[in-house]
């Protein structure tokens, strides 16, 4: 496959990704996940600090009654996480004015509850191609970066640490995650002003293209459903295509193809 053919292949694969992402956004699994997320409040920075100070491992936090509406119930004996809730009332002397005061209320983390499981998006893949991994890691080291394997990343499968020039991966994570983080490394080390949404769109799209080329399992459409849409994928197509092309061209000679 020459350079022009590879580019055409990548463009076609990206079109496929856009279609599959649109389908994923309409799936029952994704819509149920969005409905679940809508029940959780967006807390202020101050309340987030209070939550993390009291329960550093907190993930999803809600009030007692909110958990009940989701058919989950706070376990007996659990201690609530104290936060501040604003209360607004009319000024008795001037009804055109309002005053705000704060009262302490209590919320609970998911780990403090039991009941029906929350809808989740299944986007994690664990397939590892040892030969491809070696070739991919060479791309990392050739850019003066390092790859480290860890037991825990606080819920993440991989992490691109720009300051230390390190890609951290869970030991159990798949090759698709390594490619995703390499996408971040190549595309975003000098793009600190770019939104998280745009970064995730580019990195995961690059991973999808490269994984498809090498026949690696990927759940990119479902992952991107939470970050992007077909229009956004196409808006970033030039950068995605260029980066995927670069990775494939470097890795391809290192991967030995075998006939069935």
C-alpha atoms as a PDB file:
ATOM      1  CA  UNK A   1       0.000   0.000   0.000  1.00  0.00           C
ATOM      2  CA  UNK A   2       1.620   3.268  -1.117  1.00  0.00           C
ATOM      3  CA  UNK A   3       1.221   6.647   0.602  1.00  0.00           C
ATOM      4  CA  UNK A   4      -1.745   7.748  -1.524  1.00  0.00           C
ATOM      5  CA  UNK A   5      -3.561   4.449  -0.998  1.00  0.00           C
ATOM      6  CA  UNK A   6      -2.922   4.601   2.736  1.00  0.00           C
ATOM      7  CA  UNK A   7      -4.326   8.135   2.923  1.00  0.00           C
ATOM      8  CA  UNK A   8      -7.441   7.072   1.015  1.00  0.00           C
ATOM      9  CA  UNK A   9      -7.852   4.094   3.341  1.00  0.00           C
ATOM     10  CA  UNK A  10      -7.544   6.312   6.416  1.00  0.00           C
ATOM     11  CA  UNK A  11     -10.108   8.774   5.040  1.00  0.00           C
ATOM     12  CA  UNK A  12     -12.559   5.936   4.404  1.00  0.00           C
ATOM     13  CA  UNK A  13     -11.967   4.501   7.883  1.00  0.00           C
ATOM     14  CA  UNK A  14     -12.599   7.920   9.429  1.00  0.00           C
ATOM     15  CA  UNK A  15     -15.908   8.169   7.559  1.00  0.00           C
ATOM     16  CA  UNK A  16     -16.837   4.786   9.018  1.00  0.00           C
ATOM     17  CA  UNK A  17     -15.972   6.045  12.503  1.00  0.00           C
ATOM     18  CA  UNK A  18     -18.208   9.090  12.058  1.00  0.00           C
ATOM     19  CA  UNK A  19     -21.148   6.883  11.066  1.00  0.00           C
ATOM     20  CA  UNK A  20     -20.592   4.437  13.920  1.00  0.00           C
ATOM     21  CA  UNK A  21     -20.274   7.291  16.437  1.00  0.00           C
ATOM     22  CA  UNK A  22     -23.605   8.715  15.291  1.00  0.00           C
ATOM     23  CA  UNK A  23     -25.185   5.285  15.754  1.00  0.00           C
ATOM     24  CA  UNK A  24     -23.608   4.916  19.205  1.00  0.00           C
ATOM     25  CA  UNK A  25     -25.076   8.279  20.287  1.00  0.00           C
ATOM     26  CA  UNK A  26     -28.552   6.929  19.528  1.00  0.00           C
ATOM     27  CA  UNK A  27     -28.065   3.546  21.186  1.00  0.00           C
ATOM     28  CA  UNK A  28     -30.157   2.542  24.198  1.00  0.00           C
ATOM     29  CA  UNK A  29     -27.015   2.021  26.258  1.00  0.00           C
ATOM     30  CA  UNK A  30     -25.729   5.543  25.628  1.00  0.00           C
ATOM     31  CA  UNK A  31     -29.106   7.248  26.137  1.00  0.00           C
ATOM     32  CA  UNK A  32     -29.571   5.412  29.435  1.00  0.00           C
ATOM     33  CA  UNK A  33     -26.104   6.560  30.483  1.00  0.00           C
ATOM     34  CA  UNK A  34     -26.940  10.209  29.650  1.00  0.00           C
ATOM     35  CA  UNK A  35     -30.190   9.978  31.607  1.00  0.00           C
ATOM     36  CA  UNK A  36     -28.254   8.673  34.595  1.00  0.00           C
ATOM     37  CA  UNK A  37     -25.598  11.413  34.342  1.00  0.00           C
ATOM     38  CA  UNK A  38     -28.269  14.118  34.199  1.00  0.00           C
ATOM     39  CA  UNK A  39     -29.300  13.246  37.766  1.00  0.00           C
ATOM     40  CA  UNK A  40     -25.908  14.245  39.164  1.00  0.00           C
ATOM     41  CA  UNK A  41     -25.304  17.884  40.042  1.00  0.00           C
ATOM     42  CA  UNK A  42     -22.334  19.933  38.868  1.00  0.00           C
ATOM     43  CA  UNK A  43     -20.770  21.048  42.113  1.00  0.00           C
ATOM     44  CA  UNK A  44     -18.941  24.308  42.671  1.00  0.00           C
ATOM     45  CA  UNK A  45     -15.175  24.303  43.018  1.00  0.00           C
ATOM     46  CA  UNK A  46     -15.507  24.879  46.769  1.00  0.00           C
ATOM     47  CA  UNK A  47     -17.861  21.936  47.204  1.00  0.00           C
ATOM     48  CA  UNK A  48     -15.646  19.728  45.058  1.00  0.00           C
ATOM     49  CA  UNK A  49     -12.769  20.527  47.404  1.00  0.00           C
ATOM     50  CA  UNK A  50     -14.957  19.680  50.395  1.00  0.00           C
ATOM     51  CA  UNK A  51     -15.961  16.363  48.820  1.00  0.00           C
ATOM     52  CA  UNK A  52     -12.389  15.397  47.969  1.00  0.00           C
ATOM     53  CA  UNK A  53     -11.117  16.464  51.396  1.00  0.00           C
ATOM     54  CA  UNK A  54     -13.646  14.227  53.154  1.00  0.00           C
ATOM     55  CA  UNK A  55     -13.625  11.346  50.657  1.00  0.00           C
ATOM     56  CA  UNK A  56     -10.664  11.488  48.227  1.00  0.00           C
ATOM     57  CA  UNK A  57     -11.802   8.398  46.296  1.00  0.00           C
ATOM     58  CA  UNK A  58     -15.295   9.786  45.583  1.00  0.00           C
ATOM     59  CA  UNK A  59     -16.552   9.257  42.028  1.00  0.00           C
ATOM     60  CA  UNK A  60     -20.294   9.968  41.711  1.00  0.00           C
ATOM     61  CA  UNK A  61     -21.937  11.966  44.466  1.00  0.00           C
ATOM     62  CA  UNK A  62     -25.630  12.694  45.082  1.00  0.00           C
ATOM     63  CA  UNK A  63     -28.105  13.370  47.854  1.00  0.00           C
ATOM     64  CA  UNK A  64     -30.041  10.697  49.757  1.00  0.00           C
ATOM     65  CA  UNK A  65     -33.286  11.180  47.809  1.00  0.00           C
ATOM     66  CA  UNK A  66     -31.518  11.356  44.443  1.00  0.00           C
ATOM     67  CA  UNK A  67     -29.995   7.941  45.096  1.00  0.00           C
ATOM     68  CA  UNK A  68     -33.458   6.647  45.984  1.00  0.00           C
ATOM     69  CA  UNK A  69     -34.856   7.876  42.658  1.00  0.00           C
ATOM     70  CA  UNK A  70     -32.142   5.839  40.944  1.00  0.00           C
ATOM     71  CA  UNK A  71     -33.151   2.762  42.956  1.00  0.00           C
ATOM     72  CA  UNK A  72     -30.024   2.874  45.058  1.00  0.00           C
ATOM     73  CA  UNK A  73     -29.985   3.269  48.816  1.00  0.00           C
ATOM     74  CA  UNK A  74     -27.400   4.587  51.251  1.00  0.00           C
ATOM     75  CA  UNK A  75     -25.895   1.780  53.304  1.00  0.00           C
ATOM     76  CA  UNK A  76     -26.735   1.745  56.992  1.00  0.00           C
ATOM     77  CA  UNK A  77     -24.114   3.520  59.071  1.00  0.00           C
ATOM     78  CA  UNK A  78     -22.563   5.494  56.202  1.00  0.00           C
ATOM     79  CA  UNK A  79     -21.418   8.999  57.097  1.00  0.00           C
ATOM     80  CA  UNK A  80     -22.577  11.766  54.749  1.00  0.00           C
ATOM     81  CA  UNK A  81     -20.212  14.133  52.969  1.00  0.00           C
ATOM     82  CA  UNK A  82     -20.908  17.706  54.114  1.00  0.00           C
ATOM     83  CA  UNK A  83     -21.211  20.409  51.448  1.00  0.00           C
ATOM     84  CA  UNK A  84     -22.724  23.911  51.347  1.00  0.00           C
ATOM     85  CA  UNK A  85     -26.060  24.556  49.623  1.00  0.00           C
ATOM     86  CA  UNK A  86     -27.143  28.122  48.755  1.00  0.00           C
ATOM     87  CA  UNK A  87     -30.514  29.369  50.002  1.00  0.00           C
ATOM     88  CA  UNK A  88     -32.114  32.476  48.541  1.00  0.00           C
ATOM     89  CA  UNK A  89     -34.718  34.571  50.386  1.00  0.00           C
ATOM     90  CA  UNK A  90     -36.384  37.943  49.951  1.00  0.00           C
ATOM     91  CA  UNK A  91     -35.149  40.927  51.920  1.00  0.00           C
ATOM     92  CA  UNK A  92     -37.947  41.825  54.368  1.00  0.00           C
ATOM     93  CA  UNK A  93     -37.150  45.525  54.150  1.00  0.00           C
ATOM     94  CA  UNK A  94     -36.855  45.599  50.352  1.00  0.00           C
ATOM     95  CA  UNK A  95     -38.664  42.814  48.474  1.00  0.00           C
ATOM     96  CA  UNK A  96     -36.914  43.743  45.217  1.00  0.00           C
ATOM     97  CA  UNK A  97     -33.687  42.466  46.717  1.00  0.00           C
ATOM     98  CA  UNK A  98     -32.674  38.927  47.556  1.00  0.00           C
ATOM     99  CA  UNK A  99     -30.160  37.587  50.030  1.00  0.00           C
ATOM    100  CA  UNK A 100     -28.159  34.382  49.914  1.00  0.00           C
ATOM    101  CA  UNK A 101     -27.028  32.260  52.809  1.00  0.00           C
ATOM    102  CA  UNK A 102     -25.587  28.775  52.916  1.00  0.00           C
ATOM    103  CA  UNK A 103     -26.575  25.730  54.898  1.00  0.00           C
ATOM    104  CA  UNK A 104     -24.829  22.405  55.377  1.00  0.00           C
ATOM    105  CA  UNK A 105     -26.332  19.459  53.511  1.00  0.00           C
ATOM    106  CA  UNK A 106     -25.059  15.932  53.127  1.00  0.00           C
ATOM    107  CA  UNK A 107     -24.369  13.859  50.014  1.00  0.00           C
ATOM    108  CA  UNK A 108     -23.143  10.312  49.532  1.00  0.00           C
ATOM    109  CA  UNK A 109     -20.715   8.693  47.121  1.00  0.00           C
ATOM    110  CA  UNK A 110     -21.666   5.775  44.892  1.00  0.00           C
ATOM    111  CA  UNK A 111     -19.468   3.489  47.024  1.00  0.00           C
ATOM    112  CA  UNK A 112     -21.683   4.290  50.022  1.00  0.00           C
ATOM    113  CA  UNK A 113     -24.822   2.992  48.313  1.00  0.00           C
ATOM    114  CA  UNK A 114     -26.280  -0.300  47.162  1.00  0.00           C
ATOM    115  CA  UNK A 115     -29.022  -1.261  44.725  1.00  0.00           C
ATOM    116  CA  UNK A 116     -29.504  -1.304  40.973  1.00  0.00           C
ATOM    117  CA  UNK A 117     -26.291  -0.753  38.960  1.00  0.00           C
ATOM    118  CA  UNK A 118     -25.918   2.575  37.180  1.00  0.00           C
ATOM    119  CA  UNK A 119     -25.875   2.542  33.367  1.00  0.00           C
ATOM    120  CA  UNK A 120     -22.316   2.566  32.076  1.00  0.00           C
ATOM    121  CA  UNK A 121     -20.658   2.942  28.699  1.00  0.00           C
ATOM    122  CA  UNK A 122     -18.615  -0.112  27.769  1.00  0.00           C
ATOM    123  CA  UNK A 123     -15.594   1.400  26.031  1.00  0.00           C
ATOM    124  CA  UNK A 124     -12.697  -0.456  27.649  1.00  0.00           C
ATOM    125  CA  UNK A 125     -10.854  -3.038  25.565  1.00  0.00           C
ATOM    126  CA  UNK A 126      -8.105  -5.352  26.760  1.00  0.00           C
ATOM    127  CA  UNK A 127      -6.774  -6.916  23.533  1.00  0.00           C
ATOM    128  CA  UNK A 128      -3.003  -6.616  23.425  1.00  0.00           C
ATOM    129  CA  UNK A 129      -0.803  -7.252  20.402  1.00  0.00           C
ATOM    130  CA  UNK A 130       2.674  -7.811  21.820  1.00  0.00           C
ATOM    131  CA  UNK A 131       4.516  -7.226  18.547  1.00  0.00           C
ATOM    132  CA  UNK A 132       2.592  -4.060  17.793  1.00  0.00           C
ATOM    133  CA  UNK A 133       3.113  -2.811  21.350  1.00  0.00           C
ATOM    134  CA  UNK A 134       6.893  -3.055  20.953  1.00  0.00           C
ATOM    135  CA  UNK A 135       6.784  -1.048  17.728  1.00  0.00           C
ATOM    136  CA  UNK A 136       4.491   1.561  19.267  1.00  0.00           C
ATOM    137  CA  UNK A 137       6.683   2.008  22.325  1.00  0.00           C
ATOM    138  CA  UNK A 138       9.602   2.750  19.995  1.00  0.00           C
ATOM    139  CA  UNK A 139       7.609   5.734  18.726  1.00  0.00           C
ATOM    140  CA  UNK A 140       7.308   6.952  22.312  1.00  0.00           C
ATOM    141  CA  UNK A 141      10.990   6.535  23.154  1.00  0.00           C
ATOM    142  CA  UNK A 142      12.093   8.076  19.835  1.00  0.00           C
ATOM    143  CA  UNK A 143      10.314  11.249  20.963  1.00  0.00           C
ATOM    144  CA  UNK A 144      12.242  11.204  24.276  1.00  0.00           C
ATOM    145  CA  UNK A 145       9.162  10.027  26.199  1.00  0.00           C
ATOM    146  CA  UNK A 146       8.746   6.941  28.384  1.00  0.00           C
ATOM    147  CA  UNK A 147       6.010   4.354  28.955  1.00  0.00           C
ATOM    148  CA  UNK A 148       5.247   3.149  32.479  1.00  0.00           C
ATOM    149  CA  UNK A 149       2.825   0.449  33.625  1.00  0.00           C
ATOM    150  CA  UNK A 150       0.908   0.936  36.881  1.00  0.00           C
ATOM    151  CA  UNK A 151      -1.731  -0.855  38.937  1.00  0.00           C
ATOM    152  CA  UNK A 152      -4.123   2.084  39.303  1.00  0.00           C
ATOM    153  CA  UNK A 153      -4.880   5.336  37.473  1.00  0.00           C
ATOM    154  CA  UNK A 154      -7.942   6.430  39.469  1.00  0.00           C
ATOM    155  CA  UNK A 155     -10.428   5.014  36.965  1.00  0.00           C
ATOM    156  CA  UNK A 156      -8.492   5.815  33.801  1.00  0.00           C
ATOM    157  CA  UNK A 157      -6.993   3.229  31.446  1.00  0.00           C
ATOM    158  CA  UNK A 158      -4.109   5.428  30.372  1.00  0.00           C
ATOM    159  CA  UNK A 159      -2.722   8.897  30.969  1.00  0.00           C
ATOM    160  CA  UNK A 160      -0.492  11.226  28.969  1.00  0.00           C
ATOM    161  CA  UNK A 161       1.659  13.306  31.303  1.00  0.00           C
ATOM    162  CA  UNK A 162       3.071  16.157  29.253  1.00  0.00           C
ATOM    163  CA  UNK A 163       5.322  17.714  31.896  1.00  0.00           C
ATOM    164  CA  UNK A 164       7.140  14.495  32.746  1.00  0.00           C
ATOM    165  CA  UNK A 165       6.895  13.218  29.147  1.00  0.00           C
ATOM    166  CA  UNK A 166       5.465   9.929  30.324  1.00  0.00           C
ATOM    167  CA  UNK A 167       2.624   7.722  29.133  1.00  0.00           C
ATOM    168  CA  UNK A 168       1.176   5.771  32.070  1.00  0.00           C
ATOM    169  CA  UNK A 169      -0.895   2.660  31.351  1.00  0.00           C
ATOM    170  CA  UNK A 170      -2.727   0.093  33.412  1.00  0.00           C
ATOM    171  CA  UNK A 171      -1.023  -3.280  33.105  1.00  0.00           C
ATOM    172  CA  UNK A 172      -4.268  -4.831  31.860  1.00  0.00           C
ATOM    173  CA  UNK A 173      -5.183  -2.191  29.302  1.00  0.00           C
ATOM    174  CA  UNK A 174      -5.330  -2.922  25.584  1.00  0.00           C
ATOM    175  CA  UNK A 175      -3.164  -1.781  22.681  1.00  0.00           C
ATOM    176  CA  UNK A 176      -5.873   0.679  21.625  1.00  0.00           C
ATOM    177  CA  UNK A 177      -5.244   2.716  24.782  1.00  0.00           C
ATOM    178  CA  UNK A 178      -1.514   2.926  24.084  1.00  0.00           C
ATOM    179  CA  UNK A 179      -2.290   4.239  20.595  1.00  0.00           C
ATOM    180  CA  UNK A 180      -4.758   6.732  22.088  1.00  0.00           C
ATOM    181  CA  UNK A 181      -2.093   8.115  24.437  1.00  0.00           C
ATOM    182  CA  UNK A 182       0.466   8.245  21.620  1.00  0.00           C
ATOM    183  CA  UNK A 183      -2.096  10.319  19.732  1.00  0.00           C
ATOM    184  CA  UNK A 184      -2.150  12.753  22.641  1.00  0.00           C
ATOM    185  CA  UNK A 185       1.642  12.789  22.757  1.00  0.00           C
ATOM    186  CA  UNK A 186       2.016  13.597  19.068  1.00  0.00           C
ATOM    187  CA  UNK A 187      -0.884  16.027  18.806  1.00  0.00           C
ATOM    188  CA  UNK A 188      -1.284  17.847  22.092  1.00  0.00           C
ATOM    189  CA  UNK A 189       2.034  18.342  23.870  1.00  0.00           C
ATOM    190  CA  UNK A 190       2.050  21.942  22.603  1.00  0.00           C
ATOM    191  CA  UNK A 191      -1.733  22.441  22.479  1.00  0.00           C
ATOM    192  CA  UNK A 192      -2.493  23.468  26.048  1.00  0.00           C
ATOM    193  CA  UNK A 193      -5.234  25.837  24.888  1.00  0.00           C
ATOM    194  CA  UNK A 194      -7.202  23.115  23.093  1.00  0.00           C
ATOM    195  CA  UNK A 195     -10.364  21.861  24.774  1.00  0.00           C
ATOM    196  CA  UNK A 196     -10.491  18.426  26.388  1.00  0.00           C
ATOM    197  CA  UNK A 197     -13.304  17.529  24.006  1.00  0.00           C
ATOM    198  CA  UNK A 198     -11.199  18.275  20.921  1.00  0.00           C
ATOM    199  CA  UNK A 199      -8.194  16.434  22.341  1.00  0.00           C
ATOM    200  CA  UNK A 200     -10.193  13.296  23.090  1.00  0.00           C
ATOM    201  CA  UNK A 201     -11.827  13.415  19.656  1.00  0.00           C
ATOM    202  CA  UNK A 202      -8.447  13.519  17.920  1.00  0.00           C
ATOM    203  CA  UNK A 203      -6.673  10.938  20.093  1.00  0.00           C
ATOM    204  CA  UNK A 204      -9.454   8.347  19.994  1.00  0.00           C
ATOM    205  CA  UNK A 205     -10.021   8.823  16.261  1.00  0.00           C
ATOM    206  CA  UNK A 206      -6.328   8.209  15.652  1.00  0.00           C
ATOM    207  CA  UNK A 207      -6.561   5.070  17.791  1.00  0.00           C
ATOM    208  CA  UNK A 208      -9.578   3.818  15.833  1.00  0.00           C
ATOM    209  CA  UNK A 209      -7.859   4.267  12.465  1.00  0.00           C
ATOM    210  CA  UNK A 210      -4.614   2.579  13.539  1.00  0.00           C
ATOM    211  CA  UNK A 211      -6.450  -0.242  15.345  1.00  0.00           C
ATOM    212  CA  UNK A 212      -8.648  -0.884  12.316  1.00  0.00           C
ATOM    213  CA  UNK A 213      -5.597  -1.024  10.069  1.00  0.00           C
ATOM    214  CA  UNK A 214      -3.901  -3.633  12.258  1.00  0.00           C
ATOM    215  CA  UNK A 215      -7.069  -5.550  13.174  1.00  0.00           C
ATOM    216  CA  UNK A 216      -7.080  -4.602  16.865  1.00  0.00           C
ATOM    217  CA  UNK A 217     -10.263  -4.523  18.972  1.00  0.00           C
ATOM    218  CA  UNK A 218     -11.555  -1.021  19.732  1.00  0.00           C
ATOM    219  CA  UNK A 219     -14.667   0.514  21.246  1.00  0.00           C
ATOM    220  CA  UNK A 220     -13.933   3.993  19.870  1.00  0.00           C
ATOM    221  CA  UNK A 221     -17.457   4.804  18.602  1.00  0.00           C
ATOM    222  CA  UNK A 222     -18.986   4.341  22.062  1.00  0.00           C
ATOM    223  CA  UNK A 223     -16.138   6.253  23.730  1.00  0.00           C
ATOM    224  CA  UNK A 224     -16.449   9.122  21.249  1.00  0.00           C
ATOM    225  CA  UNK A 225     -20.224   9.225  21.700  1.00  0.00           C
ATOM    226  CA  UNK A 226     -19.563  10.841  25.057  1.00  0.00           C
ATOM    227  CA  UNK A 227     -17.071  13.371  23.730  1.00  0.00           C
ATOM    228  CA  UNK A 228     -17.814  14.108  20.115  1.00  0.00           C
ATOM    229  CA  UNK A 229     -20.097  13.808  17.086  1.00  0.00           C
ATOM    230  CA  UNK A 230     -19.591  13.120  13.346  1.00  0.00           C
ATOM    231  CA  UNK A 231     -19.288  16.818  12.535  1.00  0.00           C
ATOM    232  CA  UNK A 232     -16.525  17.358  15.058  1.00  0.00           C
ATOM    233  CA  UNK A 233     -14.636  14.281  13.867  1.00  0.00           C
ATOM    234  CA  UNK A 234     -14.668  15.624  10.317  1.00  0.00           C
ATOM    235  CA  UNK A 235     -13.589  19.088  11.481  1.00  0.00           C
ATOM    236  CA  UNK A 236     -10.409  17.522  12.866  1.00  0.00           C
ATOM    237  CA  UNK A 237      -9.967  15.066   9.988  1.00  0.00           C
ATOM    238  CA  UNK A 238      -6.788  16.624   8.591  1.00  0.00           C
ATOM    239  CA  UNK A 239      -4.883  16.369  11.885  1.00  0.00           C
ATOM    240  CA  UNK A 240      -6.266  12.892  12.591  1.00  0.00           C
ATOM    241  CA  UNK A 241      -5.359  11.561   9.148  1.00  0.00           C
ATOM    242  CA  UNK A 242      -1.850  13.026   9.258  1.00  0.00           C
ATOM    243  CA  UNK A 243      -1.117  11.528  12.708  1.00  0.00           C
ATOM    244  CA  UNK A 244      -2.605   8.104  11.945  1.00  0.00           C
ATOM    245  CA  UNK A 245      -0.648   8.027   8.683  1.00  0.00           C
ATOM    246  CA  UNK A 246       2.547   8.831  10.582  1.00  0.00           C
ATOM    247  CA  UNK A 247       2.011   6.071  13.151  1.00  0.00           C
ATOM    248  CA  UNK A 248       1.114   3.412  10.574  1.00  0.00           C
ATOM    249  CA  UNK A 249       4.073   4.236   8.332  1.00  0.00           C
ATOM    250  CA  UNK A 250       6.508   3.992  11.258  1.00  0.00           C
ATOM    251  CA  UNK A 251       4.990   0.862  12.792  1.00  0.00           C
ATOM    252  CA  UNK A 252       4.160  -1.131   9.637  1.00  0.00           C
ATOM    253  CA  UNK A 253       7.733  -2.222   8.747  1.00  0.00           C
ATOM    254  CA  UNK A 254       8.214  -3.467  12.324  1.00  0.00           C
ATOM    255  CA  UNK A 255       5.128  -5.674  12.347  1.00  0.00           C
ATOM    256  CA  UNK A 256       5.618  -9.029  10.669  1.00  0.00           C
ATOM    257  CA  UNK A 257       2.560 -10.058   8.676  1.00  0.00           C
ATOM    258  CA  UNK A 258       1.736 -13.738   8.586  1.00  0.00           C
ATOM    259  CA  UNK A 259      -0.559 -15.626   6.232  1.00  0.00           C
ATOM    260  CA  UNK A 260      -3.378 -17.748   7.636  1.00  0.00           C
END
